[in-house]
Protein backbone atom coordinates (compact mmCIF):
# COMPACT_ATOMS: atom_id res chain seq x y z
CA MET A 1 -0.84 22.22 -4.56
CA LYS A 2 0.33 24.16 -1.55
CA ALA A 3 3.12 22.58 0.44
CA LEU A 4 2.47 21.66 4.06
CA LYS A 5 5.10 23.44 6.17
CA GLU A 6 5.57 20.62 8.67
CA PHE A 7 6.85 18.35 5.87
CA THR A 8 9.43 20.87 4.64
CA ILE A 9 13.00 20.18 5.76
CA PRO A 10 15.47 23.10 5.64
CA PHE A 11 18.62 21.06 5.05
CA VAL A 12 20.99 23.99 4.47
CA GLY A 13 21.49 24.54 8.20
CA LEU A 14 22.09 20.86 8.99
CA LYS A 15 25.58 19.53 9.65
CA ILE A 16 27.05 16.80 7.47
CA GLY A 17 25.92 13.46 8.91
CA THR A 18 22.74 11.61 9.83
CA HIS A 19 19.61 13.37 11.06
CA HIS A 20 16.32 11.81 12.19
CA PHE A 21 12.83 13.21 11.65
CA GLU A 22 9.51 11.77 12.82
CA TYR A 23 6.04 12.60 11.57
CA ASN A 24 2.52 11.44 12.43
CA VAL A 25 0.13 11.36 9.49
CA GLU A 26 -3.58 11.75 10.20
CA PRO A 27 -6.69 12.09 7.99
CA THR A 28 -6.22 15.84 7.52
CA PHE A 29 -3.05 15.04 5.55
CA PHE A 30 -5.07 13.12 2.95
CA GLU A 31 -7.70 15.86 2.74
CA HIS A 32 -4.89 18.10 1.49
CA PHE A 33 -4.43 15.67 -1.44
CA GLU A 34 -8.23 15.31 -1.88
CA TYR A 35 -7.93 11.57 -1.30
CA GLU A 36 -11.08 10.20 0.29
CA ASP A 37 -10.61 6.40 0.37
CA PHE A 38 -9.50 6.36 4.02
CA ASN A 39 -12.08 6.77 6.78
CA ASP A 40 -9.34 7.28 9.37
CA ALA A 41 -5.56 6.96 9.55
CA ASN A 42 -2.77 6.77 12.08
CA ILE A 43 0.63 6.45 10.43
CA HIS A 44 4.07 6.99 11.87
CA VAL A 45 6.79 8.16 9.48
CA ASP A 46 10.43 7.72 10.44
CA LEU A 47 12.81 9.61 8.16
CA GLU A 48 16.57 9.29 8.26
CA LEU A 49 18.33 12.04 6.31
CA GLU A 50 22.02 11.64 5.66
CA LYS A 51 23.59 14.87 4.49
CA LYS A 52 26.76 14.53 2.44
CA THR A 53 28.84 17.21 0.75
CA THR A 54 27.27 16.80 -2.71
CA LEU A 55 23.95 15.05 -2.08
CA LEU A 56 21.29 14.00 0.42
CA GLU A 57 20.15 10.46 1.11
CA LEU A 58 16.68 10.00 2.58
CA HIS A 59 15.38 6.72 3.97
CA PHE A 60 11.63 6.68 4.64
CA LYS A 61 10.00 4.04 6.84
CA ILE A 62 6.26 4.13 7.48
CA SER A 63 4.08 1.98 9.73
CA GLY A 64 0.58 2.23 11.11
CA TRP A 65 -2.98 1.66 9.96
CA VAL A 66 -5.65 3.14 7.74
CA LYS A 67 -9.37 2.52 8.09
CA VAL A 68 -10.77 1.37 4.75
CA ASN A 69 -13.90 -0.39 3.57
CA CYS A 70 -13.79 -4.06 2.61
CA ASP A 71 -14.20 -4.69 -1.12
CA LEU A 72 -16.56 -7.64 -0.49
CA THR A 73 -18.75 -6.49 2.39
CA ASN A 74 -18.15 -2.72 2.51
CA GLU A 75 -17.53 -3.12 6.27
CA PRO A 76 -14.87 -0.69 7.61
CA TYR A 77 -11.73 -2.17 9.17
CA ASN A 78 -8.19 -1.12 10.09
CA GLN A 79 -5.64 -2.19 7.48
CA THR A 80 -2.10 -2.29 8.86
CA ILE A 81 0.52 -0.91 6.51
CA GLU A 82 4.31 -0.82 6.35
CA ASN A 83 6.57 0.48 3.62
CA GLU A 84 10.14 1.72 3.03
CA PHE A 85 11.70 3.93 0.38
CA ASN A 86 15.14 5.38 -0.35
CA LEU A 87 15.55 8.69 -2.13
CA VAL A 88 18.74 10.36 -3.32
CA VAL A 89 18.63 14.14 -3.73
CA LYS A 90 21.27 15.60 -6.02
CA PHE A 91 21.96 19.17 -7.06
CA GLY A 92 21.86 20.19 -10.73
CA GLU A 93 20.95 22.95 -13.16
CA GLU A 94 17.17 22.48 -12.97
CA TYR A 95 14.50 20.53 -11.08
CA ASN A 96 14.11 16.94 -12.37
CA ASP A 97 12.07 14.12 -10.82
CA GLU A 98 11.92 11.77 -13.82
CA HIS A 99 13.61 8.92 -11.94
CA VAL A 100 11.75 7.08 -9.20
CA ASP A 101 14.45 7.20 -6.53
CA ILE A 102 16.55 10.20 -7.65
CA LEU A 103 15.49 13.82 -7.30
CA ILE A 104 17.56 16.61 -8.83
CA ILE A 105 17.01 20.07 -7.38
CA PRO A 106 18.59 23.36 -8.54
CA HIS A 107 21.78 24.66 -6.92
CA GLY A 108 20.93 27.17 -4.22
CA THR A 109 17.84 25.30 -3.00
CA TYR A 110 17.86 25.31 0.77
CA GLU A 111 14.85 23.11 1.64
CA ILE A 112 12.99 20.04 0.41
CA ASN A 113 9.34 19.11 0.85
CA ILE A 114 8.67 15.40 1.40
CA GLN A 115 4.86 15.36 1.60
CA GLN A 116 4.39 13.83 -1.88
CA TYR A 117 6.77 10.95 -1.09
CA ILE A 118 4.97 10.18 2.18
CA TYR A 119 1.60 10.28 0.41
CA GLU A 120 2.76 7.87 -2.30
CA LEU A 121 4.34 5.51 0.25
CA VAL A 122 1.08 5.25 2.17
CA ILE A 123 -1.09 4.77 -0.92
CA LEU A 124 1.22 2.08 -2.31
CA ALA A 125 1.33 0.24 1.03
CA VAL A 126 -2.42 -0.43 0.99
CA PRO A 127 -3.26 -3.71 -0.81
CA LEU A 128 -5.19 -3.50 -4.08
CA LYS A 129 -7.80 -5.96 -2.85
CA ARG A 130 -9.02 -4.95 0.57
CA ILE A 131 -10.58 -7.87 2.44
CA HIS A 132 -11.81 -7.64 6.02
CA PRO A 133 -9.87 -10.05 8.30
CA GLY A 134 -13.21 -11.41 9.54
CA VAL A 135 -14.07 -12.53 6.00
CA GLU A 136 -10.80 -14.44 5.67
CA ASP A 137 -11.15 -16.33 8.97
CA GLY A 138 -14.96 -16.63 8.86
CA THR A 139 -15.71 -14.64 12.02
CA LEU A 140 -17.40 -11.64 10.40
CA ASP A 141 -21.21 -11.69 10.71
CA SER A 142 -22.53 -9.51 7.91
CA ASP A 143 -25.82 -9.31 6.01
CA ILE A 144 -23.88 -8.90 2.77
CA LEU A 145 -21.92 -12.13 3.37
CA LYS A 146 -25.16 -14.01 4.08
CA LYS A 147 -26.67 -12.70 0.85
CA LEU A 148 -23.53 -13.64 -1.13
CA GLU A 149 -23.66 -17.16 0.33
CA GLU A 150 -27.35 -17.42 -0.53
CA LEU A 151 -26.83 -16.30 -4.12
CA SER A 152 -23.64 -18.25 -4.81
CA PRO A 153 -23.97 -21.20 -7.19
CA LYS A 154 -24.36 -24.54 -5.46
CA LEU A 155 -22.11 -27.35 -6.61
CA GLU A 156 -23.98 -30.62 -6.49
CA LYS A 157 -21.91 -33.74 -6.28
CA ASP A 158 -23.54 -36.32 -8.48
CA LYS A 159 -23.30 -39.88 -7.22
CA ASN A 160 -23.93 -41.23 -10.68
CA LYS A 161 -21.06 -39.31 -12.14
CA ASP A 162 -19.54 -42.34 -13.84
CA GLU A 163 -22.77 -42.99 -15.77
CA ASP A 164 -22.67 -39.53 -17.35
CA ILE A 165 -19.14 -40.04 -18.70
CA ASP A 166 -18.64 -41.42 -22.16
CA PRO A 167 -17.71 -45.14 -21.79
CA ARG A 168 -14.65 -44.67 -24.01
CA TRP A 169 -13.12 -42.47 -21.29
CA ASN A 170 -13.66 -45.20 -18.71
CA THR A 171 -11.70 -47.60 -20.91
CA LEU A 172 -8.87 -45.06 -21.15
CA LYS A 173 -8.89 -44.58 -17.37
CA ARG A 174 -8.45 -48.33 -16.90
CA LEU A 175 -5.20 -48.09 -18.88
CA LEU A 176 -3.79 -45.91 -16.10
CA THR A 177 -4.83 -48.22 -13.28
CA ASP A 178 -4.15 -51.62 -14.95
CA LYS A 179 -0.40 -51.73 -14.90
């Protein structure tokens, strides 16, 4: 996969200390990863890079929304997302990203690309079960919801429920109430 240049940080020219970077992620970013679950996206990425003498510390913070389809009604809606992640970049003999929050890059590397970390942060911020807010509060008027309501099993409350129960159970129930 080709790296997007805007997400490459040349850290070799930065002074020791804290540096801030801001990015706006739009749908074209996800097309690069061939991810098609989002209809639209508007995500703000705030990155704080702290350069030290032997390592780099990166603190990612994302916030915004992605337009996804509801799992129940297939109606599109904007899902707000927020996520944070800390990454430590160390220098070593060879590239190693086996650990979740530690990245080892070879000595002599002068830049780091963060597009994969931003992509994963966004994907992991979206809930597994996507439910339209209108479904949760009952304000969504959808043909699919009407059909689901029509086809759902009806629970009938039987007035003669006590007659259907074995009389031995009624005797046992009286033990609880006759104290």
